Protein backbone atom coordinates (compact mmCIF):
# COMPACT_ATOMS: atom_id res chain seq x y z
CA MET A 1 47.19 31.91 63.82
CA ALA A 2 48.82 35.27 64.14
CA GLY A 3 46.50 36.71 61.56
CA ARG A 4 43.26 35.28 63.35
CA ILE A 5 44.63 37.09 66.47
CA VAL A 6 45.18 40.47 64.68
CA ARG A 7 41.75 40.28 62.98
CA TRP A 8 40.05 39.69 66.46
CA GLY A 9 42.05 42.52 68.04
CA VAL A 10 41.12 44.84 65.37
CA ALA A 11 37.59 44.05 65.39
CA LEU A 12 37.45 44.11 69.29
CA GLY A 13 39.27 47.47 69.18
CA LEU A 14 36.84 48.91 66.71
CA GLY A 15 33.87 47.81 68.50
CA ALA A 16 35.05 49.13 71.75
CA LEU A 17 35.72 52.46 70.03
CA TRP A 18 32.17 52.37 68.62
CA TRP A 19 30.55 51.79 72.03
CA TRP A 20 32.74 54.52 73.54
CA GLY A 21 31.20 56.79 70.88
CA VAL A 22 27.52 55.81 71.40
CA LEU A 23 27.81 55.65 75.23
CA ARG A 24 29.40 59.08 75.28
CA LEU A 25 26.71 60.43 72.89
CA VAL A 26 24.03 59.10 75.47
CA LEU A 27 25.64 59.58 78.90
CA VAL A 28 27.58 62.81 78.48
CA PRO A 29 25.91 66.09 78.00
CA ASP A 30 29.06 67.75 76.08
CA ALA A 31 29.54 65.01 73.58
CA GLY A 32 30.38 66.43 70.33
CA VAL A 33 31.10 65.76 66.68
CA LEU A 34 33.85 63.22 67.27
CA GLU A 35 31.63 60.86 69.09
CA GLY A 36 28.79 61.25 66.76
CA ALA A 37 31.19 60.51 63.63
CA VAL A 38 32.56 57.43 65.37
CA ALA A 39 28.79 56.22 66.07
CA ALA A 40 27.46 57.06 62.54
CA GLY A 41 30.50 55.36 60.97
CA GLY A 42 30.30 52.26 62.91
CA TRP A 43 26.35 52.01 62.25
CA GLY A 44 27.08 52.75 58.52
CA LEU A 45 29.62 49.67 58.31
CA SER A 46 26.77 47.48 59.61
CA LEU A 47 24.62 48.32 56.51
CA LEU A 48 27.51 46.58 54.22
CA PRO A 49 26.59 43.33 52.93
CA VAL A 50 28.33 40.54 54.80
CA HIS A 51 27.66 37.61 52.45
CA CYS A 52 29.62 38.67 49.52
CA MET A 53 30.72 36.66 46.45
CA PRO A 54 32.07 37.23 43.00
CA LYS A 55 29.65 38.11 40.33
CA ALA A 56 30.50 35.04 38.42
CA GLN A 57 29.28 32.98 41.22
CA ALA A 58 26.26 34.95 42.27
CA VAL A 59 22.84 33.72 40.80
CA GLY A 60 21.07 36.25 38.97
CA ALA A 61 23.54 39.04 39.15
CA ALA A 62 23.89 41.57 36.15
CA GLY A 63 27.33 41.57 34.54
CA SER A 64 29.09 44.52 33.19
CA ALA A 65 27.91 43.98 29.67
CA GLN A 66 24.32 44.16 31.04
CA TRP A 67 24.84 47.30 32.88
CA LEU A 68 26.31 48.94 29.93
CA ALA A 69 23.49 47.79 27.68
CA GLY A 70 21.02 49.17 30.09
CA TRP A 71 22.69 52.54 30.16
CA ARG A 72 22.67 52.84 26.56
CA ARG A 73 19.00 51.78 26.09
CA ARG A 74 18.21 54.76 28.36
CA GLY A 75 20.35 57.21 26.36
CA VAL A 76 23.11 57.86 28.71
CA ARG A 77 26.18 59.17 27.17
CA GLY A 78 29.44 60.07 28.82
CA GLY A 79 28.36 59.06 32.27
CA ARG A 80 25.70 61.54 32.50
CA ALA A 81 21.77 61.12 32.61
CA PRO A 82 19.74 62.51 29.75
CA GLY A 83 18.96 66.12 30.63
CA ALA A 84 21.69 66.30 33.22
CA ARG A 85 24.05 69.29 33.00
């Protein structure tokens, strides 16, 4: 129960902070970098996937071996793309 209260408290606190940044950017002429960073950071977090699951359970997900084989087919060595310096 305490964990649920803490999670809700954090979510509400961060949401209030985000709205403060957005409203300050819109309404106050001297809003600056701090408000912009808070608003952009909150918006960026909204782009994260919310329906995550382990690769083993995801249908059609490429495993690590498939990624490595794909990189090798393209000729990537040592983490660099062909022709990269």
